[in-house]
């Protein structure tokens, strides 16, 4: 384990962690690091998506007046974008040409493409972990006509970069991100709630407008999620990725090692 940094931790809130709510679907992989974390520290970890995806209709797609076949490359920043892109193509009877190029934010997203296409490495371009990692690739392929499938709630950096560099791109909204109904959690208190997008914070207050943080520790993955926590006047106790904790599970474990050691 890397050395644990305490400079950003409010020591007055460093209380024992026994229960955690992860605002994402339950992992199907039994080897998920969350399960290992639960076993290692004897934690109760629950999973509950705070947001859900609603695909657009064919009518909504046509209203955007964007022809998928006018493009030579597609930028995927999530598996949701991949799924909804190919589902729409199937519904609209659009046959994606075999020479279409795909720019994926991560290996995970690129591998997910295998559900829909026969992967040829010459067509797949992959970043490391973030959309910014794709920027050099965009510059090398600046003559492509890019399509950016996304949610109605999205980060701006990819589109902004392409347009700033005069690279042809069209944004195609494929799905809506809406709050899930989590009202049944009203009387359930967790020591830690982990968030992965600003939409998760919005969903929390959509369901519980009078939410009071009290002793609940908030964990956030990514700078935009962290900023959304602060903008909501919540205390950010656990932040990832960090140099000593590139994953959410790593950041939570670092916190637990401190909190539970001081509060046996």
C-alpha atoms as a PDB file:
ATOM      1  CA  UNK A   1       0.000   0.000   0.000  1.00  0.00           C
ATOM      2  CA  UNK A   2       1.288   3.467  -0.873  1.00  0.00           C
ATOM      3  CA  UNK A   3       1.944   5.938   1.884  1.00  0.00           C
ATOM      4  CA  UNK A   4      -1.336   7.444   3.013  1.00  0.00           C
ATOM      5  CA  UNK A   5      -1.647  11.195   2.679  1.00  0.00           C
ATOM      6  CA  UNK A   6      -3.491  12.920   5.537  1.00  0.00           C
ATOM      7  CA  UNK A   7      -3.085  16.567   4.512  1.00  0.00           C
ATOM      8  CA  UNK A   8      -6.481  16.698   2.781  1.00  0.00           C
ATOM      9  CA  UNK A   9      -8.381  14.725   5.429  1.00  0.00           C
ATOM     10  CA  UNK A  10     -10.506  16.424   8.085  1.00  0.00           C
ATOM     11  CA  UNK A  11      -9.317  14.475  11.130  1.00  0.00           C
ATOM     12  CA  UNK A  12     -12.380  15.523  13.125  1.00  0.00           C
ATOM     13  CA  UNK A  13     -14.509  13.466  10.698  1.00  0.00           C
ATOM     14  CA  UNK A  14     -12.214  10.450  10.804  1.00  0.00           C
ATOM     15  CA  UNK A  15     -14.748   8.004  12.248  1.00  0.00           C
ATOM     16  CA  UNK A  16     -14.906   4.224  11.864  1.00  0.00           C
ATOM     17  CA  UNK A  17     -16.290   2.940   8.557  1.00  0.00           C
ATOM     18  CA  UNK A  18     -18.547  -0.101   8.596  1.00  0.00           C
ATOM     19  CA  UNK A  19     -21.101   0.579   5.853  1.00  0.00           C
ATOM     20  CA  UNK A  20     -20.593   1.935   2.325  1.00  0.00           C
ATOM     21  CA  UNK A  21     -23.038   2.768  -0.458  1.00  0.00           C
ATOM     22  CA  UNK A  22     -21.630   2.669  -3.985  1.00  0.00           C
ATOM     23  CA  UNK A  23     -23.831   4.683  -6.349  1.00  0.00           C
ATOM     24  CA  UNK A  24     -23.318   2.255  -9.230  1.00  0.00           C
ATOM     25  CA  UNK A  25     -24.751  -1.128 -10.271  1.00  0.00           C
ATOM     26  CA  UNK A  26     -23.587  -4.202  -8.392  1.00  0.00           C
ATOM     27  CA  UNK A  27     -20.485  -5.695 -10.061  1.00  0.00           C
ATOM     28  CA  UNK A  28     -21.075  -9.009 -11.825  1.00  0.00           C
ATOM     29  CA  UNK A  29     -17.456 -10.050 -11.437  1.00  0.00           C
ATOM     30  CA  UNK A  30     -16.951 -11.919  -8.165  1.00  0.00           C
ATOM     31  CA  UNK A  31     -13.347 -10.713  -8.175  1.00  0.00           C
ATOM     32  CA  UNK A  32     -14.417  -7.067  -7.997  1.00  0.00           C
ATOM     33  CA  UNK A  33     -12.114  -5.078  -5.693  1.00  0.00           C
ATOM     34  CA  UNK A  34     -15.214  -3.924  -3.804  1.00  0.00           C
ATOM     35  CA  UNK A  35     -15.899  -7.484  -2.679  1.00  0.00           C
ATOM     36  CA  UNK A  36     -12.279  -7.892  -1.649  1.00  0.00           C
ATOM     37  CA  UNK A  37     -12.494  -4.620   0.296  1.00  0.00           C
ATOM     38  CA  UNK A  38     -15.629  -5.846   2.090  1.00  0.00           C
ATOM     39  CA  UNK A  39     -13.975  -9.138   3.044  1.00  0.00           C
ATOM     40  CA  UNK A  40     -10.715  -7.570   4.128  1.00  0.00           C
ATOM     41  CA  UNK A  41     -12.267  -4.997   6.472  1.00  0.00           C
ATOM     42  CA  UNK A  42     -15.532  -6.789   7.308  1.00  0.00           C
ATOM     43  CA  UNK A  43     -17.637  -4.068   5.704  1.00  0.00           C
ATOM     44  CA  UNK A  44     -21.226  -3.979   4.512  1.00  0.00           C
ATOM     45  CA  UNK A  45     -21.073  -2.590   0.954  1.00  0.00           C
ATOM     46  CA  UNK A  46     -24.310  -1.968  -0.949  1.00  0.00           C
ATOM     47  CA  UNK A  47     -24.682  -0.982  -4.596  1.00  0.00           C
ATOM     48  CA  UNK A  48     -27.429   1.245  -5.937  1.00  0.00           C
ATOM     49  CA  UNK A  49     -27.355   3.228  -9.195  1.00  0.00           C
ATOM     50  CA  UNK A  50     -28.285   6.851  -8.515  1.00  0.00           C
ATOM     51  CA  UNK A  51     -28.824   7.564 -12.212  1.00  0.00           C
ATOM     52  CA  UNK A  52     -30.338   5.642 -15.092  1.00  0.00           C
ATOM     53  CA  UNK A  53     -30.079   5.813 -18.840  1.00  0.00           C
ATOM     54  CA  UNK A  54     -33.081   6.387 -21.134  1.00  0.00           C
ATOM     55  CA  UNK A  55     -32.354   5.926 -24.855  1.00  0.00           C
ATOM     56  CA  UNK A  56     -33.664   8.537 -27.260  1.00  0.00           C
ATOM     57  CA  UNK A  57     -36.437   7.612 -29.667  1.00  0.00           C
ATOM     58  CA  UNK A  58     -36.030   7.430 -33.434  1.00  0.00           C
ATOM     59  CA  UNK A  59     -38.075  10.629 -33.626  1.00  0.00           C
ATOM     60  CA  UNK A  60     -35.605  12.387 -31.308  1.00  0.00           C
ATOM     61  CA  UNK A  61     -32.692  11.104 -33.387  1.00  0.00           C
ATOM     62  CA  UNK A  62     -34.168  12.356 -36.671  1.00  0.00           C
ATOM     63  CA  UNK A  63     -34.971  15.692 -35.101  1.00  0.00           C
ATOM     64  CA  UNK A  64     -31.233  16.262 -34.568  1.00  0.00           C
ATOM     65  CA  UNK A  65     -30.704  16.020 -38.362  1.00  0.00           C
ATOM     66  CA  UNK A  66     -27.390  14.210 -38.067  1.00  0.00           C
ATOM     67  CA  UNK A  67     -26.540  11.467 -40.544  1.00  0.00           C
ATOM     68  CA  UNK A  68     -24.285   8.871 -38.917  1.00  0.00           C
ATOM     69  CA  UNK A  69     -22.968   7.747 -42.314  1.00  0.00           C
ATOM     70  CA  UNK A  70     -21.641  11.244 -43.039  1.00  0.00           C
ATOM     71  CA  UNK A  71     -18.893  10.555 -40.500  1.00  0.00           C
ATOM     72  CA  UNK A  72     -15.653   8.588 -40.724  1.00  0.00           C
ATOM     73  CA  UNK A  73     -14.892   8.237 -37.005  1.00  0.00           C
ATOM     74  CA  UNK A  74     -16.803   7.829 -33.748  1.00  0.00           C
ATOM     75  CA  UNK A  75     -15.592   8.963 -30.326  1.00  0.00           C
ATOM     76  CA  UNK A  76     -16.690   6.771 -27.416  1.00  0.00           C
ATOM     77  CA  UNK A  77     -16.157   7.966 -23.850  1.00  0.00           C
ATOM     78  CA  UNK A  78     -18.328   5.354 -22.119  1.00  0.00           C
ATOM     79  CA  UNK A  79     -19.898   1.935 -22.544  1.00  0.00           C
ATOM     80  CA  UNK A  80     -23.318   3.586 -22.418  1.00  0.00           C
ATOM     81  CA  UNK A  81     -22.386   5.538 -25.546  1.00  0.00           C
ATOM     82  CA  UNK A  82     -21.282   2.333 -27.298  1.00  0.00           C
ATOM     83  CA  UNK A  83     -24.466   0.451 -26.406  1.00  0.00           C
ATOM     84  CA  UNK A  84     -26.839   3.221 -27.376  1.00  0.00           C
ATOM     85  CA  UNK A  85     -24.985   3.996 -30.611  1.00  0.00           C
ATOM     86  CA  UNK A  86     -25.240   0.479 -31.966  1.00  0.00           C
ATOM     87  CA  UNK A  87     -28.788  -0.002 -30.662  1.00  0.00           C
ATOM     88  CA  UNK A  88     -29.858   3.131 -32.508  1.00  0.00           C
ATOM     89  CA  UNK A  89     -28.121   1.995 -35.688  1.00  0.00           C
ATOM     90  CA  UNK A  90     -29.963  -1.318 -35.470  1.00  0.00           C
ATOM     91  CA  UNK A  91     -33.322   0.337 -34.863  1.00  0.00           C
ATOM     92  CA  UNK A  92     -32.791   2.884 -37.654  1.00  0.00           C
ATOM     93  CA  UNK A  93     -31.465   0.148 -39.993  1.00  0.00           C
ATOM     94  CA  UNK A  94     -28.135   1.944 -40.387  1.00  0.00           C
ATOM     95  CA  UNK A  95     -25.290  -0.342 -41.455  1.00  0.00           C
ATOM     96  CA  UNK A  96     -22.056   1.070 -40.056  1.00  0.00           C
ATOM     97  CA  UNK A  97     -19.298   0.672 -42.707  1.00  0.00           C
ATOM     98  CA  UNK A  98     -16.399  -1.663 -41.867  1.00  0.00           C
ATOM     99  CA  UNK A  99     -13.846   1.120 -42.374  1.00  0.00           C
ATOM    100  CA  UNK A 100     -15.360   3.316 -39.642  1.00  0.00           C
ATOM    101  CA  UNK A 101     -12.708   4.374 -37.121  1.00  0.00           C
ATOM    102  CA  UNK A 102     -13.323   4.323 -33.380  1.00  0.00           C
ATOM    103  CA  UNK A 103     -11.600   6.513 -30.787  1.00  0.00           C
ATOM    104  CA  UNK A 104     -12.122   5.123 -27.258  1.00  0.00           C
ATOM    105  CA  UNK A 105     -11.362   6.794 -23.959  1.00  0.00           C
ATOM    106  CA  UNK A 106      -9.956   3.596 -22.404  1.00  0.00           C
ATOM    107  CA  UNK A 107      -9.115  -0.046 -23.015  1.00  0.00           C
ATOM    108  CA  UNK A 108     -12.278  -1.002 -21.148  1.00  0.00           C
ATOM    109  CA  UNK A 109     -14.421   0.942 -23.597  1.00  0.00           C
ATOM    110  CA  UNK A 110     -12.475  -0.388 -26.585  1.00  0.00           C
ATOM    111  CA  UNK A 111     -12.843  -3.991 -25.414  1.00  0.00           C
ATOM    112  CA  UNK A 112     -16.574  -3.448 -24.958  1.00  0.00           C
ATOM    113  CA  UNK A 113     -16.786  -2.727 -28.690  1.00  0.00           C
ATOM    114  CA  UNK A 114     -16.253  -6.432 -29.302  1.00  0.00           C
ATOM    115  CA  UNK A 115     -19.909  -6.967 -28.459  1.00  0.00           C
ATOM    116  CA  UNK A 116     -20.845  -5.088 -31.622  1.00  0.00           C
ATOM    117  CA  UNK A 117     -18.012  -5.232 -34.166  1.00  0.00           C
ATOM    118  CA  UNK A 118     -15.119  -7.406 -35.228  1.00  0.00           C
ATOM    119  CA  UNK A 119     -12.199  -5.428 -33.885  1.00  0.00           C
ATOM    120  CA  UNK A 120      -9.366  -4.649 -36.253  1.00  0.00           C
ATOM    121  CA  UNK A 121      -6.579  -2.796 -34.517  1.00  0.00           C
ATOM    122  CA  UNK A 122      -6.127  -0.394 -37.400  1.00  0.00           C
ATOM    123  CA  UNK A 123      -9.617   0.982 -36.700  1.00  0.00           C
ATOM    124  CA  UNK A 124      -9.363   1.333 -32.924  1.00  0.00           C
ATOM    125  CA  UNK A 125      -7.518   4.190 -31.237  1.00  0.00           C
ATOM    126  CA  UNK A 126      -7.375   4.139 -27.456  1.00  0.00           C
ATOM    127  CA  UNK A 127      -6.555   6.705 -24.800  1.00  0.00           C
ATOM    128  CA  UNK A 128      -5.142   5.879 -21.384  1.00  0.00           C
ATOM    129  CA  UNK A 129      -7.969   6.829 -19.009  1.00  0.00           C
ATOM    130  CA  UNK A 130      -9.421  10.258 -19.787  1.00  0.00           C
ATOM    131  CA  UNK A 131     -10.771  12.093 -22.797  1.00  0.00           C
ATOM    132  CA  UNK A 132      -7.699  14.351 -22.719  1.00  0.00           C
ATOM    133  CA  UNK A 133      -5.541  11.317 -23.507  1.00  0.00           C
ATOM    134  CA  UNK A 134      -7.204  11.223 -26.932  1.00  0.00           C
ATOM    135  CA  UNK A 135      -6.177  14.741 -27.902  1.00  0.00           C
ATOM    136  CA  UNK A 136      -2.866  13.767 -29.517  1.00  0.00           C
ATOM    137  CA  UNK A 137      -4.674  11.079 -31.488  1.00  0.00           C
ATOM    138  CA  UNK A 138      -7.204  13.611 -32.736  1.00  0.00           C
ATOM    139  CA  UNK A 139      -4.360  15.827 -33.948  1.00  0.00           C
ATOM    140  CA  UNK A 140      -2.832  12.925 -35.873  1.00  0.00           C
ATOM    141  CA  UNK A 141      -6.199  12.176 -37.479  1.00  0.00           C
ATOM    142  CA  UNK A 142      -7.517  15.707 -37.869  1.00  0.00           C
ATOM    143  CA  UNK A 143      -8.995  15.091 -41.320  1.00  0.00           C
ATOM    144  CA  UNK A 144     -11.586  12.637 -40.027  1.00  0.00           C
ATOM    145  CA  UNK A 145     -15.229  13.644 -39.681  1.00  0.00           C
ATOM    146  CA  UNK A 146     -15.956  12.835 -36.057  1.00  0.00           C
ATOM    147  CA  UNK A 147     -19.226  11.834 -34.434  1.00  0.00           C
ATOM    148  CA  UNK A 148     -19.477  12.221 -30.670  1.00  0.00           C
ATOM    149  CA  UNK A 149     -22.355  10.140 -29.217  1.00  0.00           C
ATOM    150  CA  UNK A 150     -23.207  11.244 -25.705  1.00  0.00           C
ATOM    151  CA  UNK A 151     -25.810  11.911 -23.043  1.00  0.00           C
ATOM    152  CA  UNK A 152     -27.801  15.107 -22.747  1.00  0.00           C
ATOM    153  CA  UNK A 153     -25.588  15.692 -19.690  1.00  0.00           C
ATOM    154  CA  UNK A 154     -21.950  15.492 -20.685  1.00  0.00           C
ATOM    155  CA  UNK A 155     -18.502  16.917 -20.092  1.00  0.00           C
ATOM    156  CA  UNK A 156     -17.377  19.581 -22.551  1.00  0.00           C
ATOM    157  CA  UNK A 157     -13.653  18.906 -22.905  1.00  0.00           C
ATOM    158  CA  UNK A 158     -13.772  16.543 -25.906  1.00  0.00           C
ATOM    159  CA  UNK A 159     -16.099  18.662 -28.023  1.00  0.00           C
ATOM    160  CA  UNK A 160     -14.319  21.863 -26.999  1.00  0.00           C
ATOM    161  CA  UNK A 161     -10.913  20.469 -27.982  1.00  0.00           C
ATOM    162  CA  UNK A 162     -12.079  19.267 -31.390  1.00  0.00           C
ATOM    163  CA  UNK A 163     -13.795  22.538 -32.217  1.00  0.00           C
ATOM    164  CA  UNK A 164     -10.913  24.639 -30.916  1.00  0.00           C
ATOM    165  CA  UNK A 165      -8.585  22.772 -33.267  1.00  0.00           C
ATOM    166  CA  UNK A 166     -10.960  23.145 -36.225  1.00  0.00           C
ATOM    167  CA  UNK A 167     -11.561  19.400 -36.428  1.00  0.00           C
ATOM    168  CA  UNK A 168     -14.934  18.448 -37.896  1.00  0.00           C
ATOM    169  CA  UNK A 169     -17.222  17.001 -35.241  1.00  0.00           C
ATOM    170  CA  UNK A 170     -20.935  16.578 -34.646  1.00  0.00           C
ATOM    171  CA  UNK A 171     -22.446  15.866 -31.261  1.00  0.00           C
ATOM    172  CA  UNK A 172     -25.229  13.274 -31.237  1.00  0.00           C
ATOM    173  CA  UNK A 173     -27.322  12.981 -28.092  1.00  0.00           C
ATOM    174  CA  UNK A 174     -28.218   9.286 -27.821  1.00  0.00           C
ATOM    175  CA  UNK A 175     -29.585   8.975 -24.308  1.00  0.00           C
ATOM    176  CA  UNK A 176     -30.873  10.930 -21.355  1.00  0.00           C
ATOM    177  CA  UNK A 177     -29.309  10.688 -17.908  1.00  0.00           C
ATOM    178  CA  UNK A 178     -32.078  10.878 -15.307  1.00  0.00           C
ATOM    179  CA  UNK A 179     -32.205  10.365 -11.532  1.00  0.00           C
ATOM    180  CA  UNK A 180     -33.158   6.910 -10.287  1.00  0.00           C
ATOM    181  CA  UNK A 181     -35.844   6.532  -7.637  1.00  0.00           C
ATOM    182  CA  UNK A 182     -33.838   5.903  -4.468  1.00  0.00           C
ATOM    183  CA  UNK A 183     -36.461   7.295  -2.091  1.00  0.00           C
ATOM    184  CA  UNK A 184     -36.512   3.991  -0.179  1.00  0.00           C
ATOM    185  CA  UNK A 185     -33.036   4.833   1.157  1.00  0.00           C
ATOM    186  CA  UNK A 186     -34.437   7.721   3.203  1.00  0.00           C
ATOM    187  CA  UNK A 187     -34.081   6.023   6.573  1.00  0.00           C
ATOM    188  CA  UNK A 188     -30.891   4.131   5.763  1.00  0.00           C
ATOM    189  CA  UNK A 189     -27.657   5.730   6.867  1.00  0.00           C
ATOM    190  CA  UNK A 190     -24.234   4.854   5.482  1.00  0.00           C
ATOM    191  CA  UNK A 191     -20.823   5.776   6.798  1.00  0.00           C
ATOM    192  CA  UNK A 192     -19.609   6.447   3.228  1.00  0.00           C
ATOM    193  CA  UNK A 193     -21.433   7.219  -0.024  1.00  0.00           C
ATOM    194  CA  UNK A 194     -19.329   7.042  -3.193  1.00  0.00           C
ATOM    195  CA  UNK A 195     -20.181   9.162  -6.248  1.00  0.00           C
ATOM    196  CA  UNK A 196     -18.840   8.865  -9.785  1.00  0.00           C
ATOM    197  CA  UNK A 197     -20.446  11.758 -11.657  1.00  0.00           C
ATOM    198  CA  UNK A 198     -22.058  15.138 -10.997  1.00  0.00           C
ATOM    199  CA  UNK A 199     -25.356  13.537 -12.058  1.00  0.00           C
ATOM    200  CA  UNK A 200     -25.136  11.314  -8.994  1.00  0.00           C
ATOM    201  CA  UNK A 201     -25.011  14.371  -6.742  1.00  0.00           C
ATOM    202  CA  UNK A 202     -27.990  15.849  -8.602  1.00  0.00           C
ATOM    203  CA  UNK A 203     -29.891  12.581  -8.121  1.00  0.00           C
ATOM    204  CA  UNK A 204     -29.196  12.612  -4.386  1.00  0.00           C
ATOM    205  CA  UNK A 205     -30.855  16.011  -3.967  1.00  0.00           C
ATOM    206  CA  UNK A 206     -33.594  15.162  -6.464  1.00  0.00           C
ATOM    207  CA  UNK A 207     -34.646  12.328  -4.163  1.00  0.00           C
ATOM    208  CA  UNK A 208     -33.748  14.027  -0.878  1.00  0.00           C
ATOM    209  CA  UNK A 209     -33.948  17.839  -1.218  1.00  0.00           C
ATOM    210  CA  UNK A 210     -33.348  18.235   2.528  1.00  0.00           C
ATOM    211  CA  UNK A 211     -30.353  15.897   2.648  1.00  0.00           C
ATOM    212  CA  UNK A 212     -28.018  16.589   5.578  1.00  0.00           C
ATOM    213  CA  UNK A 213     -24.563  15.080   5.424  1.00  0.00           C
ATOM    214  CA  UNK A 214     -23.849  14.964   9.157  1.00  0.00           C
ATOM    215  CA  UNK A 215     -21.330  12.148   9.743  1.00  0.00           C
ATOM    216  CA  UNK A 216     -21.703  10.572   6.316  1.00  0.00           C
ATOM    217  CA  UNK A 217     -18.393  10.675   4.503  1.00  0.00           C
ATOM    218  CA  UNK A 218     -18.578  11.568   0.797  1.00  0.00           C
ATOM    219  CA  UNK A 219     -16.241   9.956  -1.737  1.00  0.00           C
ATOM    220  CA  UNK A 220     -15.933  11.302  -5.288  1.00  0.00           C
ATOM    221  CA  UNK A 221     -14.229   9.945  -8.383  1.00  0.00           C
ATOM    222  CA  UNK A 222     -12.911  12.495 -10.865  1.00  0.00           C
ATOM    223  CA  UNK A 223     -12.404  16.258 -10.651  1.00  0.00           C
ATOM    224  CA  UNK A 224     -15.845  17.199 -11.987  1.00  0.00           C
ATOM    225  CA  UNK A 225     -17.555  14.968  -9.429  1.00  0.00           C
ATOM    226  CA  UNK A 226     -15.385  16.402  -6.668  1.00  0.00           C
ATOM    227  CA  UNK A 227     -16.340  19.925  -7.737  1.00  0.00           C
ATOM    228  CA  UNK A 228     -20.028  18.974  -7.802  1.00  0.00           C
ATOM    229  CA  UNK A 229     -19.710  17.793  -4.195  1.00  0.00           C
ATOM    230  CA  UNK A 230     -18.232  21.134  -3.168  1.00  0.00           C
ATOM    231  CA  UNK A 231     -20.770  23.104  -5.214  1.00  0.00           C
ATOM    232  CA  UNK A 232     -23.524  21.293  -3.303  1.00  0.00           C
ATOM    233  CA  UNK A 233     -21.951  22.525  -0.041  1.00  0.00           C
ATOM    234  CA  UNK A 234     -21.050  18.985   0.985  1.00  0.00           C
ATOM    235  CA  UNK A 235     -17.786  17.978   2.626  1.00  0.00           C
ATOM    236  CA  UNK A 236     -15.536  15.925   0.358  1.00  0.00           C
ATOM    237  CA  UNK A 237     -13.813  13.380   2.582  1.00  0.00           C
ATOM    238  CA  UNK A 238     -12.400  10.921   0.033  1.00  0.00           C
ATOM    239  CA  UNK A 239     -11.166  11.860  -3.436  1.00  0.00           C
ATOM    240  CA  UNK A 240      -9.951   9.695  -6.313  1.00  0.00           C
ATOM    241  CA  UNK A 241      -7.959   9.330  -8.407  1.00  0.00           C
ATOM    242  CA  UNK A 242      -4.969  10.528  -6.439  1.00  0.00           C
ATOM    243  CA  UNK A 243      -1.263   9.704  -6.892  1.00  0.00           C
ATOM    244  CA  UNK A 244      -1.444   7.254  -3.981  1.00  0.00           C
ATOM    245  CA  UNK A 245      -4.898   5.940  -4.915  1.00  0.00           C
ATOM    246  CA  UNK A 246      -5.755   5.783  -8.636  1.00  0.00           C
ATOM    247  CA  UNK A 247      -9.019   3.894  -8.009  1.00  0.00           C
ATOM    248  CA  UNK A 248     -12.076   4.513  -5.862  1.00  0.00           C
ATOM    249  CA  UNK A 249     -11.490   1.306  -3.915  1.00  0.00           C
ATOM    250  CA  UNK A 250      -7.884   2.353  -3.268  1.00  0.00           C
ATOM    251  CA  UNK A 251      -8.946   5.770  -1.978  1.00  0.00           C
ATOM    252  CA  UNK A 252     -11.618   4.256   0.266  1.00  0.00           C
ATOM    253  CA  UNK A 253      -9.154   1.694   1.611  1.00  0.00           C
ATOM    254  CA  UNK A 254      -6.629   4.394   2.432  1.00  0.00           C
ATOM    255  CA  UNK A 255      -9.315   6.244   4.363  1.00  0.00           C
ATOM    256  CA  UNK A 256     -10.462   3.104   6.191  1.00  0.00           C
ATOM    257  CA  UNK A 257      -6.907   2.274   7.217  1.00  0.00           C
ATOM    258  CA  UNK A 258      -6.749   5.634   8.985  1.00  0.00           C
ATOM    259  CA  UNK A 259     -10.314   5.828  10.302  1.00  0.00           C
ATOM    260  CA  UNK A 260     -10.646   2.288  11.607  1.00  0.00           C
ATOM    261  CA  UNK A 261      -7.158   2.269  13.111  1.00  0.00           C
ATOM    262  CA  UNK A 262      -7.975   5.347  15.173  1.00  0.00           C
ATOM    263  CA  UNK A 263     -11.472   4.078  16.041  1.00  0.00           C
ATOM    264  CA  UNK A 264     -11.231   0.321  16.768  1.00  0.00           C
END
